[in-house]
Amino acid sequence: MTALQASTKKPLIKTRLIGFAAMGVCVLGYTGMGLALLAGKLEHLDMTHAALLAAVAALIGEIGLWVGAGCLGLTLFKKRKAMLDKLFGRKGQPAIPTSEV
């Protein structure tokens, strides 16, 4: 590993880890939906039961998609905000605004 590769490696923070895990759940959910529908079409399951399983799996996939997109989007937002603050030379905003008299 060269020095350039070591410097470009991003740390896996908690929010990013949750985002990637949720995207994995999304993939598993949508794959389960497809497999349930395939099992129904191939008559391994009754189509009513296959459709119910597909709906539950699609719901799990959709929840994973939204959670993953939210977490990964939040990490991008924090990174961009920090970059803009550094670019414009701004200090961190105070938690409680002070009133000037």
C-alpha atoms as a PDB file:
ATOM      1  CA  MET A   1       0.000   0.000   0.000  1.00  0.00           C
ATOM      2  CA  THR A   2       1.444   3.358  -0.988  1.00  0.00           C
ATOM      3  CA  ALA A   3       1.193   6.599   0.971  1.00  0.00           C
ATOM      4  CA  LEU A   4      -1.382   7.938  -1.505  1.00  0.00           C
ATOM      5  CA  GLN A   5      -3.639   4.908  -1.036  1.00  0.00           C
ATOM      6  CA  ALA A   6      -3.362   5.169   2.739  1.00  0.00           C
ATOM      7  CA  SER A   7      -4.347   8.845   2.717  1.00  0.00           C
ATOM      8  CA  THR A   8      -7.420   8.329   0.498  1.00  0.00           C
ATOM      9  CA  LYS A   9      -8.895   5.546   2.642  1.00  0.00           C
ATOM     10  CA  LYS A  10     -12.019   6.880   4.400  1.00  0.00           C
ATOM     11  CA  PRO A  11     -12.765   5.899   7.996  1.00  0.00           C
ATOM     12  CA  LEU A  12     -15.937   3.875   8.429  1.00  0.00           C
ATOM     13  CA  ILE A  13     -17.898   6.067  10.813  1.00  0.00           C
ATOM     14  CA  LYS A  14     -21.057   4.884  12.550  1.00  0.00           C
ATOM     15  CA  THR A  15     -23.478   6.679  10.212  1.00  0.00           C
ATOM     16  CA  ARG A  16     -21.760   5.334   7.105  1.00  0.00           C
ATOM     17  CA  LEU A  17     -21.682   1.813   8.566  1.00  0.00           C
ATOM     18  CA  ILE A  18     -25.417   1.971   9.264  1.00  0.00           C
ATOM     19  CA  GLY A  19     -26.001   3.242   5.722  1.00  0.00           C
ATOM     20  CA  PHE A  20     -24.109   0.414   4.071  1.00  0.00           C
ATOM     21  CA  ALA A  21     -25.769  -2.191   6.299  1.00  0.00           C
ATOM     22  CA  ALA A  22     -29.183  -0.756   5.410  1.00  0.00           C
ATOM     23  CA  MET A  23     -28.330  -0.924   1.711  1.00  0.00           C
ATOM     24  CA  GLY A  24     -27.461  -4.587   2.235  1.00  0.00           C
ATOM     25  CA  VAL A  25     -30.889  -5.101   3.814  1.00  0.00           C
ATOM     26  CA  CYS A  26     -32.389  -3.327   0.797  1.00  0.00           C
ATOM     27  CA  VAL A  27     -30.688  -5.751  -1.591  1.00  0.00           C
ATOM     28  CA  LEU A  28     -31.784  -8.744   0.474  1.00  0.00           C
ATOM     29  CA  GLY A  29     -35.369  -7.497   0.625  1.00  0.00           C
ATOM     30  CA  TYR A  30     -35.710  -6.894  -3.089  1.00  0.00           C
ATOM     31  CA  THR A  31     -33.978 -10.191  -3.894  1.00  0.00           C
ATOM     32  CA  GLY A  32     -36.409 -11.974  -1.587  1.00  0.00           C
ATOM     33  CA  MET A  33     -39.289 -10.281  -3.363  1.00  0.00           C
ATOM     34  CA  GLY A  34     -38.063 -11.487  -6.726  1.00  0.00           C
ATOM     35  CA  LEU A  35     -37.494 -15.008  -5.467  1.00  0.00           C
ATOM     36  CA  ALA A  36     -40.946 -15.137  -3.878  1.00  0.00           C
ATOM     37  CA  LEU A  37     -42.577 -14.068  -7.132  1.00  0.00           C
ATOM     38  CA  LEU A  38     -40.461 -16.568  -9.066  1.00  0.00           C
ATOM     39  CA  ALA A  39     -41.512 -19.346  -6.681  1.00  0.00           C
ATOM     40  CA  GLY A  40     -45.130 -18.373  -7.277  1.00  0.00           C
ATOM     41  CA  LYS A  41     -44.722 -18.376 -11.047  1.00  0.00           C
ATOM     42  CA  LEU A  42     -43.004 -21.750 -10.998  1.00  0.00           C
ATOM     43  CA  GLU A  43     -45.827 -23.067  -8.792  1.00  0.00           C
ATOM     44  CA  HIS A  44     -43.603 -23.990  -5.855  1.00  0.00           C
ATOM     45  CA  LEU A  45     -45.887 -21.786  -3.748  1.00  0.00           C
ATOM     46  CA  ASP A  46     -49.475 -20.773  -4.135  1.00  0.00           C
ATOM     47  CA  MET A  47     -49.475 -17.391  -5.895  1.00  0.00           C
ATOM     48  CA  THR A  48     -51.451 -15.775  -3.051  1.00  0.00           C
ATOM     49  CA  HIS A  49     -48.822 -16.791  -0.502  1.00  0.00           C
ATOM     50  CA  ALA A  50     -46.034 -15.831  -2.884  1.00  0.00           C
ATOM     51  CA  ALA A  51     -47.552 -12.380  -3.352  1.00  0.00           C
ATOM     52  CA  LEU A  52     -47.820 -11.901   0.417  1.00  0.00           C
ATOM     53  CA  LEU A  53     -44.197 -12.945   0.914  1.00  0.00           C
ATOM     54  CA  ALA A  54     -43.142 -10.664  -1.936  1.00  0.00           C
ATOM     55  CA  ALA A  55     -45.000  -7.730  -0.371  1.00  0.00           C
ATOM     56  CA  VAL A  56     -43.306  -8.248   3.002  1.00  0.00           C
ATOM     57  CA  ALA A  57     -39.891  -8.613   1.371  1.00  0.00           C
ATOM     58  CA  ALA A  58     -40.477  -5.506  -0.756  1.00  0.00           C
ATOM     59  CA  LEU A  59     -41.417  -3.558   2.367  1.00  0.00           C
ATOM     60  CA  ILE A  60     -38.187  -4.663   4.052  1.00  0.00           C
ATOM     61  CA  GLY A  61     -36.236  -3.674   0.941  1.00  0.00           C
ATOM     62  CA  GLU A  62     -37.922  -0.276   0.803  1.00  0.00           C
ATOM     63  CA  ILE A  63     -37.183   0.422   4.476  1.00  0.00           C
ATOM     64  CA  GLY A  64     -33.542  -0.510   3.879  1.00  0.00           C
ATOM     65  CA  LEU A  65     -33.428   1.772   0.859  1.00  0.00           C
ATOM     66  CA  TRP A  66     -34.752   4.806   2.725  1.00  0.00           C
ATOM     67  CA  VAL A  67     -32.610   4.278   5.816  1.00  0.00           C
ATOM     68  CA  GLY A  68     -29.493   3.677   3.725  1.00  0.00           C
ATOM     69  CA  ALA A  69     -30.101   6.698   1.517  1.00  0.00           C
ATOM     70  CA  GLY A  70     -30.747   8.864   4.551  1.00  0.00           C
ATOM     71  CA  CYS A  71     -27.610   7.795   6.392  1.00  0.00           C
ATOM     72  CA  LEU A  72     -25.320   7.977   3.397  1.00  0.00           C
ATOM     73  CA  GLY A  73     -26.831  11.303   2.349  1.00  0.00           C
ATOM     74  CA  LEU A  74     -26.264  12.655   5.844  1.00  0.00           C
ATOM     75  CA  THR A  75     -22.575  11.760   5.679  1.00  0.00           C
ATOM     76  CA  LEU A  76     -22.289  13.570   2.342  1.00  0.00           C
ATOM     77  CA  PHE A  77     -24.080  16.616   3.758  1.00  0.00           C
ATOM     78  CA  LYS A  78     -21.777  16.794   6.786  1.00  0.00           C
ATOM     79  CA  LYS A  79     -18.711  16.413   4.577  1.00  0.00           C
ATOM     80  CA  ARG A  80     -19.835  19.153   2.175  1.00  0.00           C
ATOM     81  CA  LYS A  81     -20.772  21.506   5.010  1.00  0.00           C
ATOM     82  CA  ALA A  82     -17.381  21.035   6.659  1.00  0.00           C
ATOM     83  CA  MET A  83     -15.650  21.600   3.320  1.00  0.00           C
ATOM     84  CA  LEU A  84     -17.588  24.832   2.687  1.00  0.00           C
ATOM     85  CA  ASP A  85     -16.912  26.051   6.229  1.00  0.00           C
ATOM     86  CA  LYS A  86     -13.198  25.471   5.696  1.00  0.00           C
ATOM     87  CA  LEU A  87     -13.281  27.147   2.279  1.00  0.00           C
ATOM     88  CA  PHE A  88     -14.984  30.298   3.556  1.00  0.00           C
ATOM     89  CA  GLY A  89     -12.989  30.357   6.795  1.00  0.00           C
ATOM     90  CA  ARG A  90     -16.047  30.064   9.008  1.00  0.00           C
ATOM     91  CA  LYS A  91     -15.871  28.868  12.562  1.00  0.00           C
ATOM     92  CA  GLY A  92     -18.407  26.449  13.989  1.00  0.00           C
ATOM     93  CA  GLN A  93     -21.783  28.013  14.780  1.00  0.00           C
ATOM     94  CA  PRO A  94     -22.477  28.493  18.514  1.00  0.00           C
ATOM     95  CA  ALA A  95     -25.092  26.210  20.010  1.00  0.00           C
ATOM     96  CA  ILE A  96     -26.940  29.111  21.654  1.00  0.00           C
ATOM     97  CA  PRO A  97     -27.063  32.346  19.657  1.00  0.00           C
ATOM     98  CA  THR A  98     -25.893  35.359  21.616  1.00  0.00           C
ATOM     99  CA  SER A  99     -27.818  38.583  21.325  1.00  0.00           C
ATOM    100  CA  GLU A 100     -25.891  41.762  20.753  1.00  0.00           C
ATOM    101  CA  VAL A 101     -26.978  44.737  22.832  1.00  0.00           C
END
